[in-house]
Amino acid sequence: MEKFAERLKELRNEKELSQAQLAKATGLSHTAIVYWENKQRVPNANAIIILAAFFNVTTDYLLGVEA
């Protein structure tokens, strides 16, 4: 899940969003986003799908399966 944390932070920064702004825009928990970016927790499948849709990327890209 290391690649997920890197990609999430990268995508968030590209959109110039804070973690709190991303949480509000997606309906996900701010605390969860902090944990994910710090590699402290693993997101569930639903959160991965929500984030992929928000950033308009595939879940495979977000997870680091594809470049």
C-alpha atoms as a PDB file:
ATOM      1  CA  MET A   1       0.000   0.000   0.000  1.00  0.00           C
ATOM      2  CA  GLU A   2       3.032   2.260  -0.065  1.00  0.00           C
ATOM      3  CA  LYS A   3       2.335   3.177  -3.677  1.00  0.00           C
ATOM      4  CA  PHE A   4      -1.282   4.024  -2.782  1.00  0.00           C
ATOM      5  CA  ALA A   5      -0.119   6.532  -0.157  1.00  0.00           C
ATOM      6  CA  GLU A   6       2.270   8.163  -2.626  1.00  0.00           C
ATOM      7  CA  ARG A   7      -0.314   8.369  -5.404  1.00  0.00           C
ATOM      8  CA  LEU A   8      -3.032   9.707  -3.115  1.00  0.00           C
ATOM      9  CA  LYS A   9      -0.796  12.498  -1.856  1.00  0.00           C
ATOM     10  CA  GLU A  10       0.444  13.252  -5.377  1.00  0.00           C
ATOM     11  CA  LEU A  11      -3.068  13.465  -6.823  1.00  0.00           C
ATOM     12  CA  ARG A  12      -4.300  15.586  -3.921  1.00  0.00           C
ATOM     13  CA  ASN A  13      -1.397  18.002  -4.309  1.00  0.00           C
ATOM     14  CA  GLU A  14      -1.948  18.252  -8.081  1.00  0.00           C
ATOM     15  CA  LYS A  15      -5.475  19.490  -7.355  1.00  0.00           C
ATOM     16  CA  GLU A  16      -4.070  21.788  -4.660  1.00  0.00           C
ATOM     17  CA  LEU A  17      -6.349  20.332  -2.010  1.00  0.00           C
ATOM     18  CA  SER A  18      -5.682  19.978   1.688  1.00  0.00           C
ATOM     19  CA  GLN A  19      -6.492  16.689   3.340  1.00  0.00           C
ATOM     20  CA  ALA A  20      -9.539  18.324   4.928  1.00  0.00           C
ATOM     21  CA  GLN A  21     -10.733  19.663   1.573  1.00  0.00           C
ATOM     22  CA  LEU A  22     -10.367  16.216  -0.001  1.00  0.00           C
ATOM     23  CA  ALA A  23     -12.327  14.685   2.850  1.00  0.00           C
ATOM     24  CA  LYS A  24     -15.145  17.191   2.415  1.00  0.00           C
ATOM     25  CA  ALA A  25     -15.227  16.771  -1.377  1.00  0.00           C
ATOM     26  CA  THR A  26     -15.378  12.970  -1.218  1.00  0.00           C
ATOM     27  CA  GLY A  27     -17.356  12.413   1.973  1.00  0.00           C
ATOM     28  CA  LEU A  28     -14.471  10.412   3.406  1.00  0.00           C
ATOM     29  CA  SER A  29     -13.013  10.926   6.854  1.00  0.00           C
ATOM     30  CA  HIS A  30     -10.225  13.477   7.218  1.00  0.00           C
ATOM     31  CA  THR A  31      -8.607  11.217   9.793  1.00  0.00           C
ATOM     32  CA  ALA A  32      -8.683   8.287   7.377  1.00  0.00           C
ATOM     33  CA  ILE A  33      -6.971  10.331   4.668  1.00  0.00           C
ATOM     34  CA  VAL A  34      -4.222  11.296   7.126  1.00  0.00           C
ATOM     35  CA  TYR A  35      -3.720   7.639   8.096  1.00  0.00           C
ATOM     36  CA  TRP A  36      -3.647   6.508   4.457  1.00  0.00           C
ATOM     37  CA  GLU A  37      -1.119   9.115   3.388  1.00  0.00           C
ATOM     38  CA  ASN A  38       1.069   8.263   6.380  1.00  0.00           C
ATOM     39  CA  LYS A  39       0.860   4.533   5.551  1.00  0.00           C
ATOM     40  CA  GLN A  40      -0.716   3.789   8.927  1.00  0.00           C
ATOM     41  CA  ARG A  41      -3.933   2.215   7.646  1.00  0.00           C
ATOM     42  CA  VAL A  42      -5.242   0.576   4.500  1.00  0.00           C
ATOM     43  CA  PRO A  43      -8.371   1.940   2.775  1.00  0.00           C
ATOM     44  CA  ASN A  44     -11.330  -0.305   2.095  1.00  0.00           C
ATOM     45  CA  ALA A  45     -12.500  -1.043  -1.438  1.00  0.00           C
ATOM     46  CA  ASN A  46     -15.305   1.526  -1.293  1.00  0.00           C
ATOM     47  CA  ALA A  47     -12.894   4.330  -0.359  1.00  0.00           C
ATOM     48  CA  ILE A  48     -10.549   3.344  -3.189  1.00  0.00           C
ATOM     49  CA  ILE A  49     -13.416   3.487  -5.680  1.00  0.00           C
ATOM     50  CA  ILE A  50     -14.555   6.896  -4.388  1.00  0.00           C
ATOM     51  CA  LEU A  51     -11.036   8.330  -4.623  1.00  0.00           C
ATOM     52  CA  ALA A  52     -10.408   6.886  -8.092  1.00  0.00           C
ATOM     53  CA  ALA A  53     -13.661   8.412  -9.359  1.00  0.00           C
ATOM     54  CA  PHE A  54     -12.909  11.764  -7.742  1.00  0.00           C
ATOM     55  CA  PHE A  55      -9.442  11.961  -9.291  1.00  0.00           C
ATOM     56  CA  ASN A  56     -10.626  10.417 -12.587  1.00  0.00           C
ATOM     57  CA  VAL A  57      -8.044   7.624 -12.467  1.00  0.00           C
ATOM     58  CA  THR A  58      -8.390   3.858 -12.373  1.00  0.00           C
ATOM     59  CA  THR A  59      -8.328   1.962  -9.112  1.00  0.00           C
ATOM     60  CA  ASP A  60      -5.328   0.070 -10.496  1.00  0.00           C
ATOM     61  CA  TYR A  61      -3.455   3.350 -10.963  1.00  0.00           C
ATOM     62  CA  LEU A  62      -4.343   4.502  -7.467  1.00  0.00           C
ATOM     63  CA  LEU A  63      -3.145   1.195  -6.030  1.00  0.00           C
ATOM     64  CA  GLY A  64       0.078   1.263  -8.018  1.00  0.00           C
ATOM     65  CA  VAL A  65      -0.782  -1.763 -10.155  1.00  0.00           C
ATOM     66  CA  GLU A  66      -0.414   0.249 -13.377  1.00  0.00           C
ATOM     67  CA  ALA A  67       1.860   3.146 -14.222  1.00  0.00           C
END
